[in-house]
Amino acid sequence: MAEKKKSPVEKIALQCTECKRKNYTTEKNRRNSPNKLELMKYCPFERKHTLHRETKVK
């Protein structure tokens, strides 16, 4: 089977720093933003806006 080239765009999950649950999934371009993504997003389990960090999608 032919090898698949690695795309610069990868799928990531955003994990809440307080409840440790993965609430969101998104895509990011590795060339444009090589660092870990951190966003303030709404956590439905905490019922408030919390910091969400990038993790791998399983």
C-alpha atoms as a PDB file:
ATOM      1  CA  MET A   1       0.000   0.000   0.000  1.00  0.00           C
ATOM      2  CA  ALA A   2       1.220   3.520  -0.750  1.00  0.00           C
ATOM      3  CA  GLU A   3       2.559   5.670   2.058  1.00  0.00           C
ATOM      4  CA  LYS A   4       0.337   8.496   3.207  1.00  0.00           C
ATOM      5  CA  LYS A   5       2.026  11.899   3.398  1.00  0.00           C
ATOM      6  CA  LYS A   6       1.747  13.697   6.703  1.00  0.00           C
ATOM      7  CA  SER A   7      -0.505  16.721   6.379  1.00  0.00           C
ATOM      8  CA  PRO A   8       0.378  20.015   8.119  1.00  0.00           C
ATOM      9  CA  VAL A   9      -3.189  20.103   9.469  1.00  0.00           C
ATOM     10  CA  GLU A  10      -3.865  17.787  12.407  1.00  0.00           C
ATOM     11  CA  LYS A  11      -6.909  17.069  14.558  1.00  0.00           C
ATOM     12  CA  ILE A  12      -6.601  18.005  18.230  1.00  0.00           C
ATOM     13  CA  ALA A  13      -8.788  17.865  21.317  1.00  0.00           C
ATOM     14  CA  LEU A  14      -9.147  20.647  23.873  1.00  0.00           C
ATOM     15  CA  GLN A  15      -9.078  19.420  27.476  1.00  0.00           C
ATOM     16  CA  CYS A  16     -10.398  21.441  30.418  1.00  0.00           C
ATOM     17  CA  THR A  17      -7.681  22.211  32.990  1.00  0.00           C
ATOM     18  CA  GLU A  18     -10.137  22.026  35.912  1.00  0.00           C
ATOM     19  CA  CYS A  19     -12.287  18.925  35.268  1.00  0.00           C
ATOM     20  CA  LYS A  20      -9.755  17.189  32.909  1.00  0.00           C
ATOM     21  CA  ARG A  21     -12.430  16.274  30.339  1.00  0.00           C
ATOM     22  CA  LYS A  22     -12.014  16.625  26.590  1.00  0.00           C
ATOM     23  CA  ASN A  23     -14.874  18.928  25.614  1.00  0.00           C
ATOM     24  CA  TYR A  24     -13.922  20.186  22.146  1.00  0.00           C
ATOM     25  CA  THR A  25     -12.205  18.952  18.981  1.00  0.00           C
ATOM     26  CA  THR A  26     -10.698  21.149  16.286  1.00  0.00           C
ATOM     27  CA  GLU A  27      -7.975  21.268  13.651  1.00  0.00           C
ATOM     28  CA  LYS A  28      -4.725  23.184  13.708  1.00  0.00           C
ATOM     29  CA  ASN A  29      -1.954  23.829  11.212  1.00  0.00           C
ATOM     30  CA  ARG A  30       1.371  22.650  12.664  1.00  0.00           C
ATOM     31  CA  ARG A  31       3.407  25.001  10.458  1.00  0.00           C
ATOM     32  CA  ASN A  32       1.594  28.165  11.537  1.00  0.00           C
ATOM     33  CA  SER A  33       1.273  27.348  15.246  1.00  0.00           C
ATOM     34  CA  PRO A  34       3.817  24.771  16.469  1.00  0.00           C
ATOM     35  CA  ASN A  35       3.148  25.501  20.172  1.00  0.00           C
ATOM     36  CA  LYS A  36       0.330  23.975  22.234  1.00  0.00           C
ATOM     37  CA  LEU A  37      -2.978  25.753  21.834  1.00  0.00           C
ATOM     38  CA  GLU A  38      -4.605  27.309  24.944  1.00  0.00           C
ATOM     39  CA  LEU A  39      -8.056  28.878  24.777  1.00  0.00           C
ATOM     40  CA  MET A  40     -10.685  30.104  27.226  1.00  0.00           C
ATOM     41  CA  LYS A  41     -13.737  27.977  26.387  1.00  0.00           C
ATOM     42  CA  TYR A  42     -17.003  27.162  28.133  1.00  0.00           C
ATOM     43  CA  CYS A  43     -16.942  23.925  30.155  1.00  0.00           C
ATOM     44  CA  PRO A  44     -20.461  22.458  30.464  1.00  0.00           C
ATOM     45  CA  PHE A  45     -19.427  20.318  33.445  1.00  0.00           C
ATOM     46  CA  GLU A  46     -18.007  23.256  35.428  1.00  0.00           C
ATOM     47  CA  ARG A  47     -20.658  25.650  34.035  1.00  0.00           C
ATOM     48  CA  LYS A  48     -18.144  28.443  33.466  1.00  0.00           C
ATOM     49  CA  HIS A  49     -15.385  29.543  31.119  1.00  0.00           C
ATOM     50  CA  THR A  50     -12.113  27.757  31.872  1.00  0.00           C
ATOM     51  CA  LEU A  51      -8.725  27.345  30.244  1.00  0.00           C
ATOM     52  CA  HIS A  52      -8.623  24.488  27.707  1.00  0.00           C
ATOM     53  CA  ARG A  53      -5.294  23.036  26.492  1.00  0.00           C
ATOM     54  CA  GLU A  54      -4.468  21.031  23.404  1.00  0.00           C
ATOM     55  CA  THR A  55      -4.218  17.229  23.678  1.00  0.00           C
ATOM     56  CA  LYS A  56      -4.124  14.373  21.183  1.00  0.00           C
ATOM     57  CA  VAL A  57      -7.288  12.836  19.773  1.00  0.00           C
ATOM     58  CA  LYS A  58      -7.523   9.100  20.410  1.00  0.00           C
END
